[in-house]
Amino acid sequence: MSETTNLKLFKHDNPATNQNEFDVQKALNDNWDKIDKNAGDNKNAIEQVQTNLDTKSIELQNNIDNQNKEMQELNKKLEDKITYLRDNQLTKEVEGSSIYITDADAQEAKIDITSGKSEQET
């Protein structure tokens, strides 16, 4: 007589030549109880893994949602900044001897003078 490796189930060695009486309690009932307990343990372990996966999945989705929200906020700020810069840029192409620009203290400017003299008051 021996037992299985993992669940330690009782088994008769070489039933054809076995002279021992068949023990229903040991060979069947106890084995079924061990199998049922193992199935229950596995079921609980699988349910725990599934619960952990569900929790992690929710956490990951929340992180993704938060990152998407942050990206949308950053994109909105960037779009607002671009709109502001477009709306407030100062572009003038003029010719003449006197050019005056007023209310441009918050503007960045690049002035190219191709010929003549220049003077700037700040």
N, C-alpha and C. Protein backbone atom coordinates (compact mmCIF):
# COMPACT_ATOMS: atom_id res chain seq x y z
N MET A 1 0.84 -1.18 0.00
CA MET A 1 0.00 0.00 0.00
C MET A 1 0.89 1.24 0.00
N SER A 2 0.40 2.27 -0.73
CA SER A 2 1.17 3.50 -0.84
C SER A 2 0.22 4.69 -0.91
N GLU A 3 0.78 5.84 -1.17
CA GLU A 3 -0.06 7.04 -1.30
C GLU A 3 0.48 7.90 -2.44
N THR A 4 -0.40 8.77 -2.93
CA THR A 4 -0.01 9.64 -4.03
C THR A 4 0.91 10.75 -3.52
N THR A 5 1.65 11.34 -4.46
CA THR A 5 2.66 12.32 -4.09
C THR A 5 2.07 13.61 -3.54
N ASN A 6 1.14 14.19 -4.25
CA ASN A 6 0.67 15.53 -3.88
C ASN A 6 -0.40 15.54 -2.81
N LEU A 7 -1.46 14.78 -2.98
CA LEU A 7 -2.57 14.83 -2.03
C LEU A 7 -2.48 13.74 -0.96
N LYS A 8 -1.49 12.89 -1.10
CA LYS A 8 -1.29 11.78 -0.14
C LYS A 8 -2.55 10.91 -0.06
N LEU A 9 -3.10 10.59 -1.23
CA LEU A 9 -4.26 9.72 -1.29
C LEU A 9 -3.81 8.26 -1.13
N PHE A 10 -4.58 7.52 -0.40
CA PHE A 10 -4.28 6.10 -0.20
C PHE A 10 -4.54 5.34 -1.50
N LYS A 11 -3.63 4.42 -1.83
CA LYS A 11 -3.88 3.56 -2.98
C LYS A 11 -3.31 2.17 -2.70
N HIS A 12 -3.98 1.19 -3.28
CA HIS A 12 -3.53 -0.20 -3.18
C HIS A 12 -2.46 -0.42 -4.25
N ASP A 13 -1.38 -1.05 -3.85
CA ASP A 13 -0.34 -1.42 -4.82
C ASP A 13 -0.77 -2.68 -5.54
N ASN A 14 -0.63 -2.69 -6.83
CA ASN A 14 -0.92 -3.83 -7.68
C ASN A 14 -2.19 -4.56 -7.23
N PRO A 15 -3.34 -3.99 -7.51
CA PRO A 15 -4.60 -4.57 -7.02
C PRO A 15 -4.83 -6.02 -7.47
N ALA A 16 -4.24 -6.42 -8.57
CA ALA A 16 -4.45 -7.81 -9.06
C ALA A 16 -3.85 -8.83 -8.11
N THR A 17 -2.74 -8.49 -7.44
CA THR A 17 -2.09 -9.46 -6.54
C THR A 17 -2.27 -9.10 -5.08
N ASN A 18 -3.00 -8.03 -4.82
CA ASN A 18 -3.18 -7.58 -3.44
C ASN A 18 -4.09 -8.57 -2.69
N GLN A 19 -3.62 -9.05 -1.54
CA GLN A 19 -4.38 -10.00 -0.73
C GLN A 19 -5.10 -9.31 0.42
N ASN A 20 -4.91 -8.01 0.58
CA ASN A 20 -5.54 -7.29 1.70
C ASN A 20 -7.00 -7.00 1.39
N GLU A 21 -7.75 -6.86 2.45
CA GLU A 21 -9.15 -6.50 2.31
C GLU A 21 -9.28 -5.06 1.82
N PHE A 22 -10.27 -4.80 0.99
CA PHE A 22 -10.50 -3.46 0.48
C PHE A 22 -11.14 -2.62 1.57
N ASP A 23 -10.47 -1.55 1.97
CA ASP A 23 -10.95 -0.67 3.04
C ASP A 23 -11.67 0.53 2.39
N VAL A 24 -13.01 0.48 2.41
CA VAL A 24 -13.82 1.53 1.77
C VAL A 24 -13.54 2.88 2.41
N GLN A 25 -13.48 2.92 3.73
CA GLN A 25 -13.25 4.20 4.40
C GLN A 25 -11.91 4.81 3.98
N LYS A 26 -10.86 4.01 4.02
CA LYS A 26 -9.52 4.51 3.72
C LYS A 26 -9.32 4.73 2.22
N ALA A 27 -9.73 3.79 1.38
CA ALA A 27 -9.46 3.84 -0.06
C ALA A 27 -10.41 4.77 -0.82
N LEU A 28 -11.61 4.97 -0.29
CA LEU A 28 -12.57 5.82 -1.00
C LEU A 28 -12.92 7.08 -0.22
N ASN A 29 -13.56 6.91 0.92
CA ASN A 29 -14.10 8.08 1.63
C ASN A 29 -13.02 9.08 2.04
N ASP A 30 -11.93 8.59 2.63
CA ASP A 30 -10.86 9.51 3.04
C ASP A 30 -10.23 10.19 1.82
N ASN A 31 -10.06 9.42 0.74
CA ASN A 31 -9.50 10.01 -0.48
C ASN A 31 -10.42 11.10 -1.05
N TRP A 32 -11.74 10.79 -1.10
CA TRP A 32 -12.68 11.80 -1.59
C TRP A 32 -12.64 13.06 -0.72
N ASP A 33 -12.53 12.90 0.57
CA ASP A 33 -12.45 14.06 1.47
C ASP A 33 -11.21 14.90 1.16
N LYS A 34 -10.07 14.23 0.92
CA LYS A 34 -8.84 14.95 0.59
C LYS A 34 -8.98 15.69 -0.74
N ILE A 35 -9.58 15.02 -1.72
CA ILE A 35 -9.79 15.64 -3.03
C ILE A 35 -10.71 16.86 -2.90
N ASP A 36 -11.79 16.69 -2.16
CA ASP A 36 -12.74 17.79 -1.98
C ASP A 36 -12.10 18.97 -1.25
N LYS A 37 -11.30 18.69 -0.22
CA LYS A 37 -10.61 19.76 0.51
C LYS A 37 -9.65 20.49 -0.42
N ASN A 38 -8.91 19.72 -1.24
CA ASN A 38 -7.97 20.33 -2.17
C ASN A 38 -8.70 21.21 -3.19
N ALA A 39 -9.83 20.72 -3.69
CA ALA A 39 -10.62 21.50 -4.65
C ALA A 39 -11.10 22.80 -3.99
N GLY A 40 -11.54 22.72 -2.75
CA GLY A 40 -11.98 23.91 -2.03
C GLY A 40 -10.84 24.90 -1.81
N ASP A 41 -9.67 24.37 -1.43
CA ASP A 41 -8.50 25.24 -1.25
C ASP A 41 -8.13 25.94 -2.56
N ASN A 42 -8.15 25.17 -3.65
CA ASN A 42 -7.83 25.75 -4.96
C ASN A 42 -8.86 26.80 -5.35
N LYS A 43 -10.13 26.51 -5.10
CA LYS A 43 -11.19 27.47 -5.42
C LYS A 43 -10.98 28.76 -4.64
N ASN A 44 -10.66 28.65 -3.36
CA ASN A 44 -10.42 29.86 -2.55
C ASN A 44 -9.21 30.63 -3.05
N ALA A 45 -8.16 29.91 -3.42
CA ALA A 45 -6.96 30.57 -3.93
C ALA A 45 -7.26 31.29 -5.24
N ILE A 46 -8.02 30.66 -6.11
CA ILE A 46 -8.39 31.27 -7.39
C ILE A 46 -9.25 32.51 -7.16
N GLU A 47 -10.19 32.41 -6.24
CA GLU A 47 -11.05 33.56 -5.94
C GLU A 47 -10.21 34.72 -5.38
N GLN A 48 -9.22 34.41 -4.55
CA GLN A 48 -8.36 35.45 -3.99
C GLN A 48 -7.53 36.11 -5.09
N VAL A 49 -7.01 35.30 -6.01
CA VAL A 49 -6.25 35.85 -7.14
C VAL A 49 -7.16 36.74 -7.98
N GLN A 50 -8.38 36.29 -8.24
CA GLN A 50 -9.33 37.08 -9.03
C GLN A 50 -9.65 38.40 -8.33
N THR A 51 -9.85 38.35 -7.02
CA THR A 51 -10.12 39.57 -6.26
C THR A 51 -8.94 40.54 -6.35
N ASN A 52 -7.72 39.99 -6.20
CA ASN A 52 -6.52 40.83 -6.32
C ASN A 52 -6.41 41.43 -7.71
N LEU A 53 -6.69 40.63 -8.74
CA LEU A 53 -6.64 41.13 -10.11
C LEU A 53 -7.68 42.23 -10.33
N ASP A 54 -8.88 42.02 -9.80
CA ASP A 54 -9.93 43.04 -9.94
C ASP A 54 -9.52 44.33 -9.26
N THR A 55 -8.94 44.22 -8.06
CA THR A 55 -8.50 45.40 -7.31
C THR A 55 -7.40 46.13 -8.08
N LYS A 56 -6.43 45.39 -8.57
CA LYS A 56 -5.32 45.99 -9.33
C LYS A 56 -5.84 46.62 -10.62
N SER A 57 -6.79 45.96 -11.26
CA SER A 57 -7.36 46.49 -12.50
C SER A 57 -8.06 47.82 -12.23
N ILE A 58 -8.81 47.90 -11.15
CA ILE A 58 -9.48 49.15 -10.78
C ILE A 58 -8.46 50.23 -10.48
N GLU A 59 -7.41 49.88 -9.74
CA GLU A 59 -6.36 50.85 -9.42
C GLU A 59 -5.68 51.36 -10.69
N LEU A 60 -5.36 50.44 -11.60
CA LEU A 60 -4.73 50.84 -12.85
C LEU A 60 -5.65 51.73 -13.68
N GLN A 61 -6.93 51.39 -13.74
CA GLN A 61 -7.87 52.21 -14.51
C GLN A 61 -7.99 53.60 -13.88
N ASN A 62 -8.00 53.66 -12.56
CA ASN A 62 -8.06 54.96 -11.88
C ASN A 62 -6.81 55.78 -12.18
N ASN A 63 -5.65 55.13 -12.18
CA ASN A 63 -4.40 55.83 -12.51
C ASN A 63 -4.44 56.34 -13.95
N ILE A 64 -4.93 55.51 -14.86
CA ILE A 64 -5.03 55.93 -16.26
C ILE A 64 -5.99 57.11 -16.38
N ASP A 65 -7.12 57.02 -15.70
CA ASP A 65 -8.10 58.11 -15.75
C ASP A 65 -7.50 59.40 -15.20
N ASN A 66 -6.77 59.30 -14.09
CA ASN A 66 -6.14 60.48 -13.50
C ASN A 66 -5.08 61.06 -14.43
N GLN A 67 -4.29 60.20 -15.05
CA GLN A 67 -3.27 60.68 -15.98
C GLN A 67 -3.91 61.33 -17.21
N ASN A 68 -5.00 60.74 -17.70
CA ASN A 68 -5.71 61.33 -18.83
C ASN A 68 -6.26 62.70 -18.46
N LYS A 69 -6.80 62.82 -17.26
CA LYS A 69 -7.33 64.10 -16.80
C LYS A 69 -6.21 65.13 -16.70
N GLU A 70 -5.07 64.72 -16.15
CA GLU A 70 -3.92 65.64 -16.05
C GLU A 70 -3.44 66.06 -17.43
N MET A 71 -3.39 65.11 -18.36
CA MET A 71 -2.97 65.43 -19.73
C MET A 71 -3.94 66.39 -20.39
N GLN A 72 -5.23 66.20 -20.18
CA GLN A 72 -6.22 67.10 -20.74
C GLN A 72 -6.06 68.50 -20.17
N GLU A 73 -5.79 68.59 -18.86
CA GLU A 73 -5.57 69.89 -18.23
C GLU A 73 -4.32 70.56 -18.79
N LEU A 74 -3.24 69.78 -18.95
CA LEU A 74 -2.01 70.33 -19.52
C LEU A 74 -2.21 70.77 -20.97
N ASN A 75 -2.94 69.96 -21.74
CA ASN A 75 -3.23 70.33 -23.13
C ASN A 75 -4.06 71.61 -23.20
N LYS A 76 -5.02 71.73 -22.29
CA LYS A 76 -5.85 72.94 -22.25
C LYS A 76 -4.99 74.16 -21.92
N LYS A 77 -4.09 74.03 -20.95
CA LYS A 77 -3.20 75.14 -20.60
C LYS A 77 -2.31 75.51 -21.79
N LEU A 78 -1.80 74.48 -22.47
CA LEU A 78 -0.95 74.72 -23.63
C LEU A 78 -1.74 75.40 -24.75
N GLU A 79 -2.95 74.92 -25.00
CA GLU A 79 -3.79 75.55 -26.03
C GLU A 79 -4.10 77.00 -25.65
N ASP A 80 -4.39 77.24 -24.38
CA ASP A 80 -4.67 78.60 -23.92
C ASP A 80 -3.44 79.49 -24.11
N LYS A 81 -2.27 78.97 -23.81
CA LYS A 81 -1.04 79.74 -23.96
C LYS A 81 -0.78 80.04 -25.44
N ILE A 82 -0.97 79.05 -26.29
CA ILE A 82 -0.79 79.25 -27.73
C ILE A 82 -1.78 80.30 -28.24
N THR A 83 -3.03 80.18 -27.82
CA THR A 83 -4.04 81.16 -28.23
C THR A 83 -3.66 82.55 -27.75
N TYR A 84 -3.22 82.65 -26.51
CA TYR A 84 -2.80 83.94 -25.96
C TYR A 84 -1.66 84.53 -26.79
N LEU A 85 -0.66 83.71 -27.08
CA LEU A 85 0.49 84.19 -27.86
C LEU A 85 0.07 84.61 -29.26
N ARG A 86 -0.81 83.83 -29.87
CA ARG A 86 -1.29 84.19 -31.22
C ARG A 86 -2.07 85.50 -31.18
N ASP A 87 -2.95 85.60 -30.19
CA ASP A 87 -3.81 86.80 -30.10
C ASP A 87 -3.02 88.04 -29.73
N ASN A 88 -1.91 87.88 -29.04
CA ASN A 88 -1.19 89.03 -28.54
C ASN A 88 0.16 89.28 -29.23
N GLN A 89 0.40 88.55 -30.28
CA GLN A 89 1.65 88.81 -30.98
C GLN A 89 1.55 90.13 -31.74
N LEU A 90 2.65 90.73 -31.87
CA LEU A 90 2.69 92.02 -32.54
C LEU A 90 3.50 91.85 -33.81
N THR A 91 2.81 91.90 -34.91
CA THR A 91 3.49 91.75 -36.19
C THR A 91 3.13 92.95 -37.04
N LYS A 92 4.13 93.70 -37.40
CA LYS A 92 3.92 94.88 -38.25
C LYS A 92 5.02 94.92 -39.28
N GLU A 93 4.64 95.12 -40.50
CA GLU A 93 5.60 95.38 -41.56
C GLU A 93 5.27 96.78 -42.07
N VAL A 94 6.15 97.70 -41.79
CA VAL A 94 5.88 99.09 -42.17
C VAL A 94 7.12 99.70 -42.80
N GLU A 95 6.88 100.76 -43.51
CA GLU A 95 7.96 101.53 -44.10
C GLU A 95 7.73 102.98 -43.73
N GLY A 96 8.77 103.67 -43.49
CA GLY A 96 8.64 105.08 -43.19
C GLY A 96 9.76 105.53 -42.29
N SER A 97 9.71 106.81 -41.98
CA SER A 97 10.79 107.36 -41.17
C SER A 97 10.52 107.29 -39.68
N SER A 98 9.26 107.19 -39.27
CA SER A 98 8.94 107.12 -37.85
C SER A 98 7.92 106.00 -37.62
N ILE A 99 8.27 105.08 -36.75
CA ILE A 99 7.36 103.99 -36.39
C ILE A 99 7.25 103.98 -34.88
N TYR A 100 6.01 104.05 -34.36
CA TYR A 100 5.78 104.03 -32.92
C TYR A 100 4.91 102.82 -32.56
N ILE A 101 5.33 102.12 -31.54
CA ILE A 101 4.55 100.99 -31.03
C ILE A 101 4.23 101.30 -29.58
N THR A 102 2.94 101.33 -29.26
CA THR A 102 2.53 101.63 -27.89
C THR A 102 1.91 100.39 -27.26
N ASP A 103 1.88 100.39 -25.94
CA ASP A 103 1.29 99.28 -25.17
C ASP A 103 1.87 97.93 -25.56
N ALA A 104 3.16 97.87 -25.72
CA ALA A 104 3.81 96.62 -26.12
C ALA A 104 4.79 96.14 -25.05
N ASP A 105 4.62 96.61 -23.81
CA ASP A 105 5.59 96.26 -22.78
C ASP A 105 5.59 94.78 -22.43
N ALA A 106 4.50 94.06 -22.67
CA ALA A 106 4.45 92.63 -22.37
C ALA A 106 4.76 91.78 -23.59
N GLN A 107 5.10 92.43 -24.68
CA GLN A 107 5.36 91.71 -25.92
C GLN A 107 6.85 91.48 -26.11
N GLU A 108 7.16 90.34 -26.71
CA GLU A 108 8.51 90.12 -27.15
C GLU A 108 8.58 90.66 -28.57
N ALA A 109 9.70 91.27 -28.91
CA ALA A 109 9.78 91.85 -30.24
C ALA A 109 11.11 91.55 -30.88
N LYS A 110 11.08 91.43 -32.18
CA LYS A 110 12.28 91.31 -32.98
C LYS A 110 12.14 92.37 -34.07
N ILE A 111 13.06 93.27 -34.09
CA ILE A 111 12.98 94.36 -35.05
C ILE A 111 14.18 94.26 -35.98
N ASP A 112 13.87 94.16 -37.25
CA ASP A 112 14.92 94.13 -38.27
C ASP A 112 14.88 95.47 -39.00
N ILE A 113 15.99 96.13 -38.98
CA ILE A 113 16.11 97.40 -39.70
C ILE A 113 17.08 97.14 -40.83
N THR A 114 16.58 97.28 -42.04
CA THR A 114 17.42 96.93 -43.18
C THR A 114 18.34 98.07 -43.60
N SER A 115 17.93 99.29 -43.35
CA SER A 115 18.81 100.41 -43.68
C SER A 115 18.38 101.63 -42.91
N GLY A 116 19.22 102.60 -42.81
CA GLY A 116 18.87 103.82 -42.11
C GLY A 116 19.34 103.79 -40.69
N LYS A 117 18.85 104.73 -39.91
CA LYS A 117 19.25 104.82 -38.51
C LYS A 117 18.09 104.40 -37.62
N SER A 118 18.41 103.99 -36.39
CA SER A 118 17.36 103.55 -35.47
C SER A 118 17.58 104.19 -34.10
N GLU A 119 16.47 104.31 -33.40
CA GLU A 119 16.50 104.86 -32.04
C GLU A 119 15.39 104.17 -31.28
N GLN A 120 15.65 103.82 -30.01
CA GLN A 120 14.65 103.11 -29.23
C GLN A 120 14.57 103.72 -27.86
N GLU A 121 13.36 104.01 -27.42
CA GLU A 121 13.12 104.48 -26.04
C GLU A 121 12.46 103.36 -25.28
N THR A 122 12.91 103.18 -24.05
CA THR A 122 12.27 102.15 -23.23
C THR A 122 11.75 102.75 -21.96
